[in-house]
């Protein structure tokens, strides 16, 4: 393995450049990749050249007939596809959190509410929104009020009516 100072620097590789590289391979041409991605060919060429410079290996064999991956380019393409698929999955999952369809809800409930309709309500909620986990803990009413007020729980369900500030 080469010393650390001789390893390619991959910190500056960005998803846009990686996508443009893959588009170029798929199209077999920088010009066709540029048209597909709505960008000028010189920008695609520059990004790929910068990648090659950062990695210190040629990724493409260029000719008047188009481009073909070098052995390093083939390896890069394999890793790039895996990387972008992972990034796409991550983006979809994070979008789920933004849309409120993923996550964890901390519910504190009194013994009375747990012996009533709350368990059936939770089952219906989980059926409608399976991506959301619900953690239910049994506590007394004063603890429920205090923890919800302090932001230590998302929801508090208590059957007793009492005066609690906050």
Protein backbone atom coordinates (compact mmCIF):
# COMPACT_ATOMS: atom_id res chain seq x y z
CA UNK A 1 0.00 0.00 0.00
CA UNK A 2 1.40 3.43 -0.87
CA UNK A 3 2.26 5.81 1.95
CA UNK A 4 -0.50 8.19 3.03
CA UNK A 5 1.10 11.08 1.15
CA UNK A 6 0.81 9.13 -2.12
CA UNK A 7 -2.80 8.01 -1.75
CA UNK A 8 -5.38 9.73 -3.92
CA UNK A 9 -7.22 12.55 -2.21
CA UNK A 10 -10.91 11.76 -2.46
CA UNK A 11 -12.21 14.43 -0.06
CA UNK A 12 -13.14 16.77 -2.88
CA UNK A 13 -15.09 14.25 -4.97
CA UNK A 14 -18.67 15.44 -5.10
CA UNK A 15 -21.90 13.68 -6.09
CA UNK A 16 -22.46 15.95 -9.11
CA UNK A 17 -19.07 15.12 -10.60
CA UNK A 18 -19.62 11.43 -9.92
CA UNK A 19 -23.04 11.55 -11.62
CA UNK A 20 -21.52 13.33 -14.62
CA UNK A 21 -18.77 10.71 -14.84
CA UNK A 22 -21.36 7.90 -14.85
CA UNK A 23 -23.52 9.74 -17.40
CA UNK A 24 -20.45 10.05 -19.64
CA UNK A 25 -19.83 6.31 -19.42
CA UNK A 26 -23.49 5.49 -20.06
CA UNK A 27 -23.66 7.82 -23.06
CA UNK A 28 -20.18 6.97 -24.36
CA UNK A 29 -19.62 10.65 -25.05
CA UNK A 30 -18.99 13.80 -23.05
CA UNK A 31 -21.20 15.81 -25.42
CA UNK A 32 -24.15 13.39 -25.09
CA UNK A 33 -23.73 13.23 -21.30
CA UNK A 34 -23.69 17.03 -21.18
CA UNK A 35 -26.87 17.24 -23.26
CA UNK A 36 -28.59 14.66 -21.06
CA UNK A 37 -27.60 16.49 -17.88
CA UNK A 38 -28.32 19.98 -19.30
CA UNK A 39 -24.79 21.25 -18.85
CA UNK A 40 -22.15 22.42 -21.33
CA UNK A 41 -19.64 19.76 -22.47
CA UNK A 42 -16.66 21.80 -21.28
CA UNK A 43 -18.02 21.70 -17.71
CA UNK A 44 -18.42 17.91 -17.84
CA UNK A 45 -14.92 17.54 -19.25
CA UNK A 46 -13.49 19.84 -16.58
CA UNK A 47 -15.17 17.95 -13.72
CA UNK A 48 -13.93 14.60 -14.99
CA UNK A 49 -10.43 15.99 -15.49
CA UNK A 50 -10.50 17.31 -11.91
CA UNK A 51 -11.56 13.87 -10.67
CA UNK A 52 -8.69 12.28 -12.57
CA UNK A 53 -6.30 14.82 -11.11
CA UNK A 54 -7.54 14.22 -7.56
CA UNK A 55 -7.39 10.46 -7.97
CA UNK A 56 -4.11 10.67 -9.93
CA UNK A 57 -5.29 8.11 -12.49
CA UNK A 58 -6.99 8.43 -15.88
CA UNK A 59 -10.61 7.34 -15.73
CA UNK A 60 -11.43 7.64 -19.43
CA UNK A 61 -9.78 6.85 -22.72
CA UNK A 62 -10.84 9.71 -24.97
CA UNK A 63 -10.99 9.51 -28.75
CA UNK A 64 -12.87 11.15 -31.61
CA UNK A 65 -15.30 8.22 -31.48
CA UNK A 66 -16.16 8.82 -27.83
CA UNK A 67 -14.96 7.71 -24.43
CA UNK A 68 -14.32 4.35 -22.81
CA UNK A 69 -13.44 3.63 -19.19
CA UNK A 70 -9.89 2.73 -18.26
CA UNK A 71 -9.49 -0.13 -15.77
CA UNK A 72 -9.43 2.52 -13.03
CA UNK A 73 -12.54 4.09 -14.58
CA UNK A 74 -14.35 0.74 -14.46
CA UNK A 75 -13.47 0.34 -10.78
CA UNK A 76 -14.52 3.93 -10.10
CA UNK A 77 -17.84 3.34 -11.89
CA UNK A 78 -18.61 0.29 -9.72
CA UNK A 79 -17.93 2.21 -6.53
CA UNK A 80 -19.67 5.34 -7.82
CA UNK A 81 -22.89 3.44 -8.54
CA UNK A 82 -22.88 1.91 -5.07
CA UNK A 83 -22.14 5.28 -3.50
CA UNK A 84 -24.89 7.09 -5.40
CA UNK A 85 -27.42 4.34 -4.66
CA UNK A 86 -26.60 4.71 -0.98
CA UNK A 87 -26.92 8.47 -1.19
CA UNK A 88 -30.30 8.12 -2.93
CA UNK A 89 -31.51 5.74 -0.18
CA UNK A 90 -30.24 8.15 2.46
CA UNK A 91 -32.02 11.07 0.79
CA UNK A 92 -35.32 9.14 0.63
CA UNK A 93 -35.02 8.12 4.27
CA UNK A 94 -34.19 11.64 5.41
CA UNK A 95 -37.13 12.97 3.38
CA UNK A 96 -39.30 10.60 5.37
CA UNK A 97 -38.18 12.28 8.57
CA UNK A 98 -38.89 15.72 7.11
CA UNK A 99 -42.36 14.58 6.03
CA UNK A 100 -43.02 13.20 9.50
CA UNK A 101 -43.35 9.60 8.36
CA UNK A 102 -40.28 8.24 10.16
CA UNK A 103 -39.01 8.57 13.63
CA UNK A 104 -39.64 7.78 17.24
CA UNK A 105 -42.40 9.13 19.44
CA UNK A 106 -41.86 8.96 23.19
CA UNK A 107 -45.23 8.48 24.93
CA UNK A 108 -45.65 8.64 28.70
CA UNK A 109 -48.92 7.23 29.98
CA UNK A 110 -50.65 6.68 33.30
CA UNK A 111 -51.70 3.20 34.35
CA UNK A 112 -55.35 4.19 33.88
CA UNK A 113 -54.83 5.30 30.28
CA UNK A 114 -52.88 2.12 29.53
CA UNK A 115 -55.81 0.03 30.73
CA UNK A 116 -58.20 2.01 28.53
CA UNK A 117 -58.24 2.76 24.80
CA UNK A 118 -54.61 3.90 24.44
CA UNK A 119 -53.15 0.49 23.45
CA UNK A 120 -55.72 0.09 20.65
CA UNK A 121 -55.07 3.68 19.52
CA UNK A 122 -51.34 2.95 19.32
CA UNK A 123 -51.95 -0.20 17.28
CA UNK A 124 -54.10 1.77 14.80
CA UNK A 125 -51.45 4.50 14.56
CA UNK A 126 -48.65 1.96 13.98
CA UNK A 127 -50.71 0.22 11.29
CA UNK A 128 -51.23 3.53 9.47
CA UNK A 129 -47.61 4.68 9.95
CA UNK A 130 -45.33 1.64 10.27
CA UNK A 131 -42.17 3.74 9.82
CA UNK A 132 -42.78 5.51 13.13
CA UNK A 133 -41.71 3.75 16.30
CA UNK A 134 -43.61 4.42 19.50
CA UNK A 135 -41.97 3.97 22.88
CA UNK A 136 -44.51 3.86 25.71
CA UNK A 137 -43.56 4.21 29.37
CA UNK A 138 -45.88 4.08 32.36
CA UNK A 139 -45.55 6.94 34.87
CA UNK A 140 -47.59 8.87 37.39
CA UNK A 141 -49.43 11.97 36.27
CA UNK A 142 -47.03 14.48 37.91
CA UNK A 143 -44.02 12.82 36.24
CA UNK A 144 -45.83 12.76 32.87
CA UNK A 145 -46.60 16.49 33.06
CA UNK A 146 -43.06 17.37 34.16
CA UNK A 147 -41.29 15.31 31.47
CA UNK A 148 -43.51 16.57 28.65
CA UNK A 149 -43.05 20.17 29.85
CA UNK A 150 -39.25 19.66 29.98
CA UNK A 151 -39.21 18.19 26.47
CA UNK A 152 -38.20 14.73 27.68
CA UNK A 153 -41.27 13.14 26.07
CA UNK A 154 -43.31 13.91 22.97
CA UNK A 155 -46.74 12.94 24.27
CA UNK A 156 -48.24 12.52 27.71
CA UNK A 157 -51.50 10.69 28.34
CA UNK A 158 -53.01 10.92 31.80
CA UNK A 159 -56.54 10.25 32.92
CA UNK A 160 -56.51 12.49 35.96
CA UNK A 161 -57.41 16.15 35.80
CA UNK A 162 -55.14 18.28 37.89
CA UNK A 163 -53.76 21.76 37.80
CA UNK A 164 -50.31 21.73 36.23
CA UNK A 165 -48.60 24.82 34.91
CA UNK A 166 -46.86 24.60 31.53
